[in-house]
Amino acid sequence: MRESLKSVLLFIFFLFVLNSLMAQDENALPEEETAVPEVGISIADPVEEKESGSLSVFLDKRLIFALSATEGGFGFGGTANGQYIFPFHLGVGLEAGYYSFRSDIDQDGVRAVGGFSLIPIYATVSFNIPILENFYITPILKGGGAFARARINGWLGGNSFAPMFEGGVRVKAYMRGGLLIQGGIFYTGMIEASGLFSILSIGMGFGL
């Protein structure tokens, strides 16, 4: 009888120990399962940062040639351009400047107009085409108007405002510290009541 009781107690003790071991294994399983996602996160590819655009300011000095059929001359000018350039190389901005040049208009050998002064104001659209690292070719289009003043026989004429457009190409190179060196050639047209007054100009400048 005692032997039977000992056997029963040993069997119960064996079941208790076995049950405890199984419970420990079951409790360990969630830790092993949660460990797998943690490993996956640690080796995941980093999230790429989104690129942002940039705001730039350009200053140009220009040599200007009048091209109209009955008008000729040359002069100098300058422009300032503020432009926001998107990550995909498209730029939009505003530009203002001042041009002053002599003109060789004459009537029957007598000079009628001695020159013009222009203050152009444009909205601009451009696109940077990468050629080399930090080197771009940039077509640019502008549309707006200009305040004009003519010098007639040595006297200042009346002020006027006329629509104006411009198209051209810039070559731009970014230097150390964010300095930008640029040069370009531009064709400008001012639409007057008497017709189209056209200008060809070349310029160089810098920006940030």
N, C-alpha and C. Protein backbone atom coordinates (compact mmCIF):
# COMPACT_ATOMS: atom_id res chain seq x y z
N MET A 1 0.84 -1.20 0.00
CA MET A 1 0.00 0.00 0.00
C MET A 1 0.88 1.26 0.00
N ARG A 2 1.90 1.26 0.87
CA ARG A 2 2.81 2.37 0.93
C ARG A 2 3.55 2.55 -0.40
N GLU A 3 3.90 1.44 -1.01
CA GLU A 3 4.59 1.53 -2.30
C GLU A 3 3.70 2.17 -3.34
N SER A 4 2.42 1.80 -3.32
CA SER A 4 1.47 2.39 -4.29
C SER A 4 1.32 3.87 -4.05
N LEU A 5 1.26 4.27 -2.76
CA LEU A 5 1.11 5.69 -2.44
C LEU A 5 2.34 6.48 -2.89
N LYS A 6 3.55 5.89 -2.67
CA LYS A 6 4.76 6.55 -3.12
C LYS A 6 4.78 6.74 -4.63
N SER A 7 4.31 5.70 -5.34
CA SER A 7 4.27 5.78 -6.81
C SER A 7 3.35 6.88 -7.28
N VAL A 8 2.18 7.01 -6.63
CA VAL A 8 1.21 8.06 -7.00
C VAL A 8 1.80 9.43 -6.75
N LEU A 9 2.44 9.61 -5.56
CA LEU A 9 3.02 10.91 -5.24
C LEU A 9 4.14 11.28 -6.20
N LEU A 10 4.99 10.31 -6.55
CA LEU A 10 6.05 10.57 -7.52
C LEU A 10 5.50 10.96 -8.87
N PHE A 11 4.39 10.28 -9.28
CA PHE A 11 3.77 10.60 -10.57
C PHE A 11 3.20 12.01 -10.57
N ILE A 12 2.55 12.37 -9.44
CA ILE A 12 1.99 13.73 -9.33
C ILE A 12 3.11 14.77 -9.36
N PHE A 13 4.22 14.52 -8.63
CA PHE A 13 5.36 15.42 -8.62
C PHE A 13 5.97 15.57 -10.01
N PHE A 14 6.04 14.44 -10.74
CA PHE A 14 6.56 14.47 -12.13
C PHE A 14 5.68 15.33 -13.02
N LEU A 15 4.36 15.19 -12.90
CA LEU A 15 3.43 16.00 -13.69
C LEU A 15 3.58 17.49 -13.36
N PHE A 16 3.75 17.84 -12.08
CA PHE A 16 3.90 19.22 -11.66
C PHE A 16 5.17 19.85 -12.26
N VAL A 17 6.29 19.06 -12.18
CA VAL A 17 7.53 19.56 -12.75
C VAL A 17 7.42 19.74 -14.25
N LEU A 18 6.83 18.77 -14.94
CA LEU A 18 6.65 18.85 -16.39
C LEU A 18 5.79 20.03 -16.77
N ASN A 19 4.72 20.25 -16.01
CA ASN A 19 3.83 21.38 -16.29
C ASN A 19 4.55 22.71 -16.10
N SER A 20 5.41 22.81 -15.08
CA SER A 20 6.18 24.04 -14.84
C SER A 20 7.15 24.33 -15.98
N LEU A 21 7.82 23.27 -16.46
CA LEU A 21 8.76 23.44 -17.57
C LEU A 21 8.05 23.90 -18.84
N MET A 22 6.88 23.32 -19.12
CA MET A 22 6.12 23.71 -20.31
C MET A 22 5.65 25.16 -20.19
N ALA A 23 5.24 25.55 -18.97
CA ALA A 23 4.79 26.94 -18.78
C ALA A 23 5.93 27.92 -19.03
N GLN A 24 7.16 27.58 -18.61
CA GLN A 24 8.31 28.45 -18.85
C GLN A 24 8.59 28.58 -20.34
N ASP A 25 8.50 27.47 -21.07
CA ASP A 25 8.73 27.51 -22.52
C ASP A 25 7.70 28.39 -23.20
N GLU A 26 6.44 28.26 -22.77
CA GLU A 26 5.39 29.07 -23.38
C GLU A 26 5.60 30.54 -23.11
N ASN A 27 6.02 30.87 -21.90
CA ASN A 27 6.29 32.28 -21.58
C ASN A 27 7.48 32.82 -22.38
N ALA A 28 8.41 31.98 -22.74
CA ALA A 28 9.59 32.42 -23.49
C ALA A 28 9.29 32.67 -24.96
N LEU A 29 8.22 32.00 -25.49
CA LEU A 29 7.92 32.13 -26.92
C LEU A 29 7.62 33.55 -27.34
N PRO A 30 6.80 34.34 -26.65
CA PRO A 30 6.55 35.72 -27.09
C PRO A 30 7.82 36.56 -27.15
N GLU A 31 8.78 36.32 -26.20
CA GLU A 31 10.02 37.08 -26.26
C GLU A 31 10.79 36.78 -27.53
N GLU A 32 10.80 35.51 -27.93
CA GLU A 32 11.49 35.15 -29.17
C GLU A 32 10.78 35.75 -30.37
N GLU A 33 9.43 35.79 -30.34
CA GLU A 33 8.68 36.33 -31.48
C GLU A 33 8.87 37.83 -31.59
N THR A 34 8.89 38.55 -30.46
CA THR A 34 9.07 39.99 -30.53
C THR A 34 10.51 40.37 -30.90
N ALA A 35 11.43 39.45 -30.68
CA ALA A 35 12.81 39.77 -31.02
C ALA A 35 13.03 39.85 -32.52
N VAL A 36 12.23 39.13 -33.31
CA VAL A 36 12.41 39.10 -34.76
C VAL A 36 12.11 40.45 -35.39
N PRO A 37 10.95 41.12 -35.05
CA PRO A 37 10.72 42.44 -35.62
C PRO A 37 11.80 43.45 -35.24
N GLU A 38 12.34 43.34 -34.01
CA GLU A 38 13.38 44.28 -33.62
C GLU A 38 14.61 44.15 -34.51
N VAL A 39 14.98 42.94 -34.85
CA VAL A 39 16.10 42.73 -35.77
C VAL A 39 15.78 43.32 -37.13
N GLY A 40 14.53 43.13 -37.57
CA GLY A 40 14.13 43.66 -38.87
C GLY A 40 14.22 45.16 -38.92
N ILE A 41 13.82 45.84 -37.83
CA ILE A 41 13.88 47.29 -37.80
C ILE A 41 15.31 47.79 -37.83
N SER A 42 16.20 47.07 -37.14
CA SER A 42 17.59 47.53 -37.06
C SER A 42 18.30 47.45 -38.41
N ILE A 43 17.86 46.57 -39.27
CA ILE A 43 18.55 46.43 -40.56
C ILE A 43 17.74 47.06 -41.70
N ALA A 44 16.64 47.73 -41.36
CA ALA A 44 15.83 48.34 -42.41
C ALA A 44 16.59 49.50 -43.04
N ASP A 45 16.27 49.77 -44.32
CA ASP A 45 16.91 50.87 -45.01
C ASP A 45 16.48 52.18 -44.39
N PRO A 46 17.39 53.17 -44.25
CA PRO A 46 17.01 54.46 -43.67
C PRO A 46 16.06 55.21 -44.59
N VAL A 47 15.18 56.02 -43.99
CA VAL A 47 14.23 56.81 -44.77
C VAL A 47 14.98 57.97 -45.42
N GLU A 48 14.84 58.14 -46.72
CA GLU A 48 15.54 59.20 -47.43
C GLU A 48 14.92 60.55 -47.09
N GLU A 49 15.79 61.54 -46.87
CA GLU A 49 15.31 62.88 -46.59
C GLU A 49 14.82 63.54 -47.88
N LYS A 50 13.70 64.25 -47.80
CA LYS A 50 13.16 64.92 -48.98
C LYS A 50 13.99 66.18 -49.25
N GLU A 51 14.38 66.37 -50.52
CA GLU A 51 15.13 67.55 -50.89
C GLU A 51 14.21 68.77 -50.88
N SER A 52 14.78 69.91 -50.61
CA SER A 52 14.02 71.14 -50.62
C SER A 52 14.62 72.09 -51.65
N GLY A 53 13.84 73.09 -52.05
CA GLY A 53 14.32 74.05 -53.01
C GLY A 53 15.24 75.07 -52.35
N SER A 54 15.66 76.07 -53.14
CA SER A 54 16.57 77.09 -52.62
C SER A 54 16.20 78.45 -53.19
N LEU A 55 16.48 79.48 -52.42
CA LEU A 55 16.24 80.86 -52.84
C LEU A 55 17.57 81.50 -53.20
N SER A 56 17.66 82.07 -54.39
CA SER A 56 18.91 82.65 -54.85
C SER A 56 18.68 84.09 -55.32
N VAL A 57 19.73 84.90 -55.25
CA VAL A 57 19.71 86.28 -55.74
C VAL A 57 20.85 86.44 -56.73
N PHE A 58 20.54 86.96 -57.93
CA PHE A 58 21.54 87.16 -58.97
C PHE A 58 21.68 88.65 -59.27
N LEU A 59 22.90 89.08 -59.50
CA LEU A 59 23.18 90.45 -59.95
C LEU A 59 23.97 90.36 -61.25
N ASP A 60 23.51 91.09 -62.27
CA ASP A 60 24.15 91.07 -63.59
C ASP A 60 24.51 92.48 -64.03
N LYS A 61 25.62 92.61 -64.74
CA LYS A 61 25.95 93.82 -65.48
C LYS A 61 25.93 93.48 -66.96
N ARG A 62 25.40 94.39 -67.77
CA ARG A 62 25.20 94.08 -69.18
C ARG A 62 25.75 95.15 -70.10
N LEU A 63 26.21 94.68 -71.26
CA LEU A 63 26.51 95.53 -72.40
C LEU A 63 25.35 95.36 -73.38
N ILE A 64 24.74 96.48 -73.81
CA ILE A 64 23.47 96.44 -74.53
C ILE A 64 23.64 97.04 -75.92
N PHE A 65 23.03 96.38 -76.92
CA PHE A 65 23.04 96.86 -78.30
C PHE A 65 21.60 96.96 -78.80
N ALA A 66 21.22 98.14 -79.32
CA ALA A 66 19.90 98.29 -79.94
C ALA A 66 19.94 97.66 -81.33
N LEU A 67 18.88 96.89 -81.65
CA LEU A 67 18.86 96.14 -82.91
C LEU A 67 17.75 96.56 -83.87
N SER A 68 16.91 97.50 -83.47
CA SER A 68 15.79 97.87 -84.34
C SER A 68 16.31 98.39 -85.68
N ALA A 69 15.52 98.18 -86.71
CA ALA A 69 15.98 98.47 -88.07
C ALA A 69 16.35 99.93 -88.26
N THR A 70 15.56 100.83 -87.69
CA THR A 70 15.84 102.25 -87.89
C THR A 70 16.51 102.87 -86.68
N GLU A 71 16.86 102.04 -85.72
CA GLU A 71 17.46 102.55 -84.49
C GLU A 71 18.71 101.73 -84.18
N GLY A 72 19.73 102.37 -83.75
CA GLY A 72 20.94 101.67 -83.38
C GLY A 72 21.60 102.36 -82.22
N GLY A 73 22.50 101.65 -81.54
CA GLY A 73 23.18 102.27 -80.42
C GLY A 73 23.65 101.22 -79.44
N PHE A 74 24.29 101.68 -78.38
CA PHE A 74 24.78 100.75 -77.38
C PHE A 74 24.74 101.45 -76.03
N GLY A 75 24.89 100.66 -74.98
CA GLY A 75 24.89 101.23 -73.64
C GLY A 75 25.17 100.15 -72.62
N PHE A 76 24.85 100.48 -71.38
CA PHE A 76 25.11 99.57 -70.28
C PHE A 76 23.87 99.46 -69.39
N GLY A 77 23.84 98.41 -68.61
CA GLY A 77 22.73 98.23 -67.69
C GLY A 77 23.05 97.20 -66.63
N GLY A 78 22.10 97.03 -65.74
CA GLY A 78 22.24 96.03 -64.69
C GLY A 78 20.89 95.52 -64.26
N THR A 79 20.86 94.30 -63.75
CA THR A 79 19.61 93.71 -63.28
C THR A 79 19.85 93.00 -61.95
N ALA A 80 18.77 92.88 -61.18
CA ALA A 80 18.77 92.09 -59.95
C ALA A 80 17.61 91.12 -60.04
N ASN A 81 17.88 89.85 -59.73
CA ASN A 81 16.88 88.80 -59.87
C ASN A 81 16.81 87.99 -58.58
N GLY A 82 15.61 87.85 -58.03
CA GLY A 82 15.36 86.94 -56.92
C GLY A 82 14.59 85.75 -57.43
N GLN A 83 15.08 84.55 -57.14
CA GLN A 83 14.51 83.35 -57.78
C GLN A 83 14.46 82.19 -56.80
N TYR A 84 13.33 81.48 -56.83
CA TYR A 84 13.21 80.24 -56.05
C TYR A 84 13.40 79.07 -57.01
N ILE A 85 14.35 78.18 -56.70
CA ILE A 85 14.68 77.05 -57.57
C ILE A 85 14.18 75.78 -56.90
N PHE A 86 13.26 75.08 -57.55
CA PHE A 86 12.70 73.85 -57.02
C PHE A 86 13.71 72.71 -57.15
N PRO A 87 13.51 71.59 -56.38
CA PRO A 87 14.45 70.47 -56.45
C PRO A 87 14.58 69.86 -57.84
N PHE A 88 13.54 70.01 -58.68
CA PHE A 88 13.60 69.46 -60.03
C PHE A 88 14.12 70.49 -61.04
N HIS A 89 14.89 71.51 -60.55
CA HIS A 89 15.65 72.45 -61.38
C HIS A 89 14.83 73.56 -62.02
N LEU A 90 13.51 73.60 -61.80
CA LEU A 90 12.70 74.69 -62.33
C LEU A 90 12.80 75.89 -61.40
N GLY A 91 12.99 77.07 -61.98
CA GLY A 91 13.10 78.29 -61.19
C GLY A 91 12.05 79.32 -61.58
N VAL A 92 11.50 80.02 -60.61
CA VAL A 92 10.56 81.12 -60.85
C VAL A 92 11.00 82.31 -60.01
N GLY A 93 10.80 83.52 -60.54
CA GLY A 93 11.26 84.66 -59.78
C GLY A 93 10.81 85.99 -60.35
N LEU A 94 11.39 87.05 -59.82
CA LEU A 94 11.12 88.42 -60.26
C LEU A 94 12.46 89.10 -60.56
N GLU A 95 12.43 89.99 -61.55
CA GLU A 95 13.66 90.70 -61.93
C GLU A 95 13.34 92.15 -62.23
N ALA A 96 14.25 93.03 -61.85
CA ALA A 96 14.16 94.45 -62.19
C ALA A 96 15.55 94.94 -62.57
N GLY A 97 15.59 96.01 -63.38
CA GLY A 97 16.89 96.50 -63.81
C GLY A 97 16.84 97.93 -64.31
N TYR A 98 17.95 98.37 -64.85
CA TYR A 98 18.06 99.71 -65.43
C TYR A 98 18.99 99.63 -66.63
N TYR A 99 18.51 100.11 -67.81
CA TYR A 99 19.32 100.16 -69.02
C TYR A 99 19.38 101.61 -69.49
N SER A 100 20.54 102.02 -69.94
CA SER A 100 20.69 103.35 -70.53
C SER A 100 21.65 103.24 -71.72
N PHE A 101 21.25 103.74 -72.87
CA PHE A 101 22.13 103.64 -74.04
C PHE A 101 21.84 104.76 -75.03
N ARG A 102 22.83 105.07 -75.84
CA ARG A 102 22.70 106.06 -76.91
C ARG A 102 22.08 105.39 -78.12
N SER A 103 21.37 106.18 -78.88
CA SER A 103 20.76 105.67 -80.10
C SER A 103 21.16 106.58 -81.26
N ASP A 104 21.28 105.99 -82.44
CA ASP A 104 21.70 106.75 -83.62
C ASP A 104 20.54 107.01 -84.58
N ILE A 105 19.35 107.18 -84.03
CA ILE A 105 18.20 107.47 -84.90
C ILE A 105 18.38 108.87 -85.50
N ASP A 106 18.12 109.00 -86.77
CA ASP A 106 18.19 110.33 -87.38
C ASP A 106 17.12 110.46 -88.47
N GLN A 107 16.78 111.67 -88.74
CA GLN A 107 15.83 111.99 -89.81
C GLN A 107 16.47 113.05 -90.70
N ASP A 108 16.73 112.67 -91.95
CA ASP A 108 17.36 113.58 -92.92
C ASP A 108 18.68 114.12 -92.39
N GLY A 109 19.44 113.21 -91.76
CA GLY A 109 20.76 113.62 -91.28
C GLY A 109 20.75 114.30 -89.93
N VAL A 110 19.59 114.54 -89.37
CA VAL A 110 19.50 115.20 -88.06
C VAL A 110 19.08 114.16 -87.02
N ARG A 111 19.88 114.04 -85.97
CA ARG A 111 19.54 113.05 -84.94
C ARG A 111 18.27 113.48 -84.23
N ALA A 112 17.28 112.59 -84.23
CA ALA A 112 15.99 112.90 -83.60
C ALA A 112 15.94 112.39 -82.16
N VAL A 113 16.46 111.21 -81.94
CA VAL A 113 16.43 110.62 -80.61
C VAL A 113 17.86 110.30 -80.19
N GLY A 114 18.28 110.83 -79.07
CA GLY A 114 19.65 110.63 -78.64
C GLY A 114 19.85 109.39 -77.81
N GLY A 115 18.78 108.73 -77.33
CA GLY A 115 18.94 107.52 -76.55
C GLY A 115 17.72 107.22 -75.69
N PHE A 116 17.79 106.16 -74.96
CA PHE A 116 16.70 105.71 -74.11
C PHE A 116 17.23 105.35 -72.73
N SER A 117 16.36 105.47 -71.76
CA SER A 117 16.57 104.88 -70.44
C SER A 117 15.38 103.98 -70.15
N LEU A 118 15.66 102.75 -69.72
CA LEU A 118 14.59 101.77 -69.48
C LEU A 118 14.73 101.20 -68.07
N ILE A 119 13.58 100.99 -67.44
CA ILE A 119 13.53 100.28 -66.16
C ILE A 119 12.61 99.06 -66.37
N PRO A 120 13.17 97.91 -66.72
CA PRO A 120 12.34 96.72 -66.95
C PRO A 120 11.98 96.01 -65.64
N ILE A 121 10.79 95.45 -65.60
CA ILE A 121 10.32 94.65 -64.47
C ILE A 121 9.71 93.37 -65.04
N TYR A 122 10.23 92.21 -64.64
CA TYR A 122 9.83 90.95 -65.24
C TYR A 122 9.40 89.93 -64.19
N ALA A 123 8.53 89.00 -64.63
CA ALA A 123 8.40 87.69 -63.98
C ALA A 123 9.24 86.73 -64.80
N THR A 124 9.96 85.82 -64.14
CA THR A 124 10.92 84.95 -64.84
C THR A 124 10.63 83.47 -64.59
N VAL A 125 10.94 82.68 -65.62
CA VAL A 125 10.88 81.22 -65.51
C VAL A 125 12.16 80.67 -66.14
N SER A 126 12.82 79.75 -65.46
CA SER A 126 14.07 79.20 -65.98
C SER A 126 14.14 77.71 -65.65
N PHE A 127 15.08 77.04 -66.29
CA PHE A 127 15.30 75.61 -66.02
C PHE A 127 16.79 75.32 -66.07
N ASN A 128 17.34 74.82 -64.96
CA ASN A 128 18.77 74.50 -64.88
C ASN A 128 19.03 73.12 -65.48
N ILE A 129 19.86 73.07 -66.50
CA ILE A 129 20.25 71.80 -67.13
C ILE A 129 21.65 71.43 -66.67
N PRO A 130 21.82 70.38 -65.85
CA PRO A 130 23.15 70.03 -65.36
C PRO A 130 24.05 69.54 -66.50
N ILE A 131 25.25 70.08 -66.57
CA ILE A 131 26.24 69.66 -67.56
C ILE A 131 27.38 68.91 -66.87
N LEU A 132 27.96 69.53 -65.86
CA LEU A 132 28.98 68.93 -65.01
C LEU A 132 28.58 69.19 -63.57
N GLU A 133 29.35 68.67 -62.64
CA GLU A 133 29.06 68.92 -61.23
C GLU A 133 29.16 70.42 -60.94
N ASN A 134 28.06 70.99 -60.41
CA ASN A 134 27.98 72.41 -60.06
C ASN A 134 28.11 73.34 -61.27
N PHE A 135 27.79 72.83 -62.47
CA PHE A 135 27.86 73.63 -63.69
C PHE A 135 26.58 73.40 -64.50
N TYR A 136 25.90 74.51 -64.87
CA TYR A 136 24.58 74.40 -65.50
C TYR A 136 24.48 75.33 -66.70
N ILE A 137 23.68 74.92 -67.67
CA ILE A 137 23.19 75.80 -68.72
C ILE A 137 21.72 76.05 -68.44
N THR A 138 21.32 77.33 -68.44
CA THR A 138 19.97 77.69 -67.98
C THR A 138 19.24 78.54 -69.00
N PRO A 139 18.32 77.96 -69.78
CA PRO A 139 17.43 78.79 -70.59
C PRO A 139 16.48 79.56 -69.67
N ILE A 140 16.15 80.80 -70.05
CA ILE A 140 15.30 81.63 -69.21
C ILE A 140 14.37 82.46 -70.08
N LEU A 141 13.11 82.57 -69.64
CA LEU A 141 12.11 83.40 -70.31
C LEU A 141 11.57 84.42 -69.30
N LYS A 142 11.30 85.64 -69.80
CA LYS A 142 10.81 86.71 -68.92
C LYS A 142 9.68 87.45 -69.61
N GLY A 143 8.74 87.90 -68.83
CA GLY A 143 7.64 88.70 -69.37
C GLY A 143 7.24 89.78 -68.38
N GLY A 144 6.97 90.99 -68.88
CA GLY A 144 6.58 92.08 -68.00
C GLY A 144 6.46 93.37 -68.76
N GLY A 145 7.04 94.41 -68.25
CA GLY A 145 6.98 95.71 -68.91
C GLY A 145 8.14 96.58 -68.50
N ALA A 146 8.22 97.77 -69.11
CA ALA A 146 9.34 98.68 -68.83
C ALA A 146 8.85 100.12 -68.83
N PHE A 147 9.36 100.88 -67.87
CA PHE A 147 9.20 102.33 -67.90
C PHE A 147 10.33 102.88 -68.78
N ALA A 148 9.95 103.70 -69.76
CA ALA A 148 10.94 104.20 -70.73
C ALA A 148 10.93 105.73 -70.75
N ARG A 149 12.13 106.29 -70.99
CA ARG A 149 12.26 107.74 -71.17
C ARG A 149 13.23 107.96 -72.32
N ALA A 150 12.80 108.73 -73.32
CA ALA A 150 13.62 109.00 -74.50
C ALA A 150 14.26 110.38 -74.40
N ARG A 151 15.44 110.51 -74.99
CA ARG A 151 16.13 111.79 -75.09
C ARG A 151 16.02 112.25 -76.55
N ILE A 152 15.29 113.32 -76.75
CA ILE A 152 15.01 113.79 -78.11
C ILE A 152 15.73 115.12 -78.33
N ASN A 153 16.67 115.13 -79.29
CA ASN A 153 17.47 116.32 -79.60
C ASN A 153 18.11 116.91 -78.34
N GLY A 154 18.58 116.01 -77.47
CA GLY A 154 19.26 116.49 -76.27
C GLY A 154 18.33 116.79 -75.12
N TRP A 155 17.02 116.74 -75.34
CA TRP A 155 16.06 117.03 -74.29
C TRP A 155 15.37 115.73 -73.87
N LEU A 156 15.01 115.68 -72.58
CA LEU A 156 14.30 114.49 -72.12
C LEU A 156 12.87 114.49 -72.64
N GLY A 157 12.46 113.35 -73.18
CA GLY A 157 11.09 113.20 -73.65
C GLY A 157 10.18 112.72 -72.54
N GLY A 158 8.95 112.42 -72.89
CA GLY A 158 7.97 111.96 -71.91
C GLY A 158 8.22 110.53 -71.47
N ASN A 159 7.72 110.21 -70.28
CA ASN A 159 7.79 108.84 -69.79
C ASN A 159 6.69 108.00 -70.41
N SER A 160 6.95 106.73 -70.55
CA SER A 160 5.95 105.82 -71.09
C SER A 160 6.16 104.44 -70.47
N PHE A 161 5.14 103.60 -70.56
CA PHE A 161 5.24 102.22 -70.09
C PHE A 161 4.82 101.31 -71.24
N ALA A 162 5.62 100.29 -71.51
CA ALA A 162 5.34 99.40 -72.64
C ALA A 162 5.58 97.95 -72.21
N PRO A 163 4.80 97.02 -72.79
CA PRO A 163 5.07 95.59 -72.52
C PRO A 163 6.47 95.21 -73.01
N MET A 164 7.08 94.27 -72.32
CA MET A 164 8.45 93.88 -72.63
C MET A 164 8.63 92.40 -72.36
N PHE A 165 9.44 91.74 -73.18
CA PHE A 165 9.73 90.32 -72.98
C PHE A 165 11.21 90.09 -73.22
N GLU A 166 11.70 88.96 -72.74
CA GLU A 166 13.11 88.64 -72.92
C GLU A 166 13.31 87.14 -72.90
N GLY A 167 14.23 86.67 -73.71
CA GLY A 167 14.62 85.27 -73.70
C GLY A 167 16.14 85.18 -73.80
N GLY A 168 16.71 84.19 -73.15
CA GLY A 168 18.15 84.08 -73.19
C GLY A 168 18.66 82.78 -72.58
N VAL A 169 19.97 82.68 -72.51
CA VAL A 169 20.63 81.50 -71.95
C VAL A 169 21.73 81.97 -71.01
N ARG A 170 21.74 81.38 -69.81
CA ARG A 170 22.82 81.63 -68.85
C ARG A 170 23.71 80.41 -68.72
N VAL A 171 24.96 80.64 -68.43
CA VAL A 171 25.88 79.59 -68.03
C VAL A 171 26.25 79.87 -66.58
N LYS A 172 26.02 78.89 -65.70
CA LYS A 172 26.20 79.13 -64.27
C LYS A 172 27.16 78.10 -63.67
N ALA A 173 28.00 78.56 -62.77
CA ALA A 173 28.93 77.67 -62.06
C ALA A 173 28.90 78.02 -60.57
N TYR A 174 28.64 77.02 -59.73
CA TYR A 174 28.62 77.21 -58.29
C TYR A 174 30.02 76.97 -57.72
N MET A 175 30.50 77.94 -56.95
CA MET A 175 31.82 77.86 -56.35
C MET A 175 31.70 77.49 -54.87
N ARG A 176 32.82 77.42 -54.19
CA ARG A 176 32.82 77.13 -52.77
C ARG A 176 32.12 78.23 -51.99
N GLY A 177 31.44 77.83 -50.92
CA GLY A 177 30.73 78.80 -50.10
C GLY A 177 29.40 79.23 -50.68
N GLY A 178 28.94 78.56 -51.75
CA GLY A 178 27.66 78.90 -52.34
C GLY A 178 27.69 80.05 -53.32
N LEU A 179 28.88 80.61 -53.63
CA LEU A 179 28.99 81.70 -54.59
C LEU A 179 28.70 81.19 -56.00
N LEU A 180 27.93 81.96 -56.75
CA LEU A 180 27.54 81.61 -58.10
C LEU A 180 28.12 82.62 -59.09
N ILE A 181 28.86 82.14 -60.08
CA ILE A 181 29.37 82.97 -61.16
C ILE A 181 28.58 82.63 -62.42
N GLN A 182 28.17 83.65 -63.17
CA GLN A 182 27.33 83.39 -64.34
C GLN A 182 27.60 84.39 -65.45
N GLY A 183 27.24 83.97 -66.65
CA GLY A 183 27.30 84.83 -67.82
C GLY A 183 26.19 84.42 -68.77
N GLY A 184 25.73 85.35 -69.63
CA GLY A 184 24.64 84.99 -70.51
C GLY A 184 24.48 85.94 -71.68
N ILE A 185 23.62 85.54 -72.60
CA ILE A 185 23.25 86.36 -73.76
C ILE A 185 21.73 86.40 -73.84
N PHE A 186 21.16 87.59 -74.16
CA PHE A 186 19.72 87.79 -74.06
C PHE A 186 19.20 88.61 -75.25
N TYR A 187 17.98 88.28 -75.66
CA TYR A 187 17.27 89.09 -76.65
C TYR A 187 16.05 89.69 -75.96
N THR A 188 15.90 91.01 -76.09
CA THR A 188 14.82 91.74 -75.42
C THR A 188 13.97 92.46 -76.45
N GLY A 189 12.66 92.43 -76.26
CA GLY A 189 11.76 93.16 -77.14
C GLY A 189 10.80 94.03 -76.33
N MET A 190 10.69 95.30 -76.71
CA MET A 190 9.74 96.21 -76.09
C MET A 190 8.71 96.60 -77.15
N ILE A 191 7.43 96.37 -76.84
CA ILE A 191 6.36 96.58 -77.82
C ILE A 191 5.84 98.00 -77.67
N GLU A 192 6.22 98.87 -78.61
CA GLU A 192 5.79 100.26 -78.62
C GLU A 192 4.67 100.46 -79.63
N ALA A 193 4.04 101.63 -79.56
CA ALA A 193 2.98 101.95 -80.52
C ALA A 193 3.53 102.00 -81.94
N SER A 194 4.79 102.39 -82.09
CA SER A 194 5.41 102.50 -83.41
C SER A 194 5.98 101.18 -83.90
N GLY A 195 5.98 100.14 -83.04
CA GLY A 195 6.53 98.85 -83.46
C GLY A 195 7.36 98.21 -82.36
N LEU A 196 8.15 97.23 -82.75
CA LEU A 196 8.96 96.48 -81.80
C LEU A 196 10.35 97.10 -81.70
N PHE A 197 10.72 97.47 -80.49
CA PHE A 197 12.07 97.95 -80.24
C PHE A 197 12.86 96.79 -79.64
N SER A 198 13.94 96.38 -80.29
CA SER A 198 14.65 95.17 -79.88
C SER A 198 16.05 95.48 -79.42
N ILE A 199 16.52 94.66 -78.48
CA ILE A 199 17.83 94.84 -77.86
C ILE A 199 18.53 93.50 -77.76
N LEU A 200 19.81 93.45 -78.04
CA LEU A 200 20.65 92.29 -77.77
C LEU A 200 21.64 92.69 -76.67
N SER A 201 21.78 91.83 -75.67
CA SER A 201 22.70 92.16 -74.59
C SER A 201 23.49 90.94 -74.15
N ILE A 202 24.68 91.19 -73.65
CA ILE A 202 25.50 90.16 -73.02
C ILE A 202 25.85 90.65 -71.62
N GLY A 203 25.92 89.71 -70.69
CA GLY A 203 26.15 90.13 -69.32
C GLY A 203 26.90 89.09 -68.51
N MET A 204 27.48 89.55 -67.43
CA MET A 204 28.14 88.68 -66.47
C MET A 204 27.79 89.17 -65.06
N GLY A 205 27.79 88.25 -64.11
CA GLY A 205 27.46 88.65 -62.76
C GLY A 205 27.72 87.54 -61.77
N PHE A 206 27.12 87.69 -60.60
CA PHE A 206 27.32 86.71 -59.54
C PHE A 206 26.03 86.59 -58.73
N GLY A 207 25.99 85.60 -57.88
CA GLY A 207 24.82 85.38 -57.06
C GLY A 207 25.15 84.52 -55.85
N LEU A 208 24.15 84.36 -55.00
CA LEU A 208 24.26 83.54 -53.79
C LEU A 208 23.03 82.66 -53.66
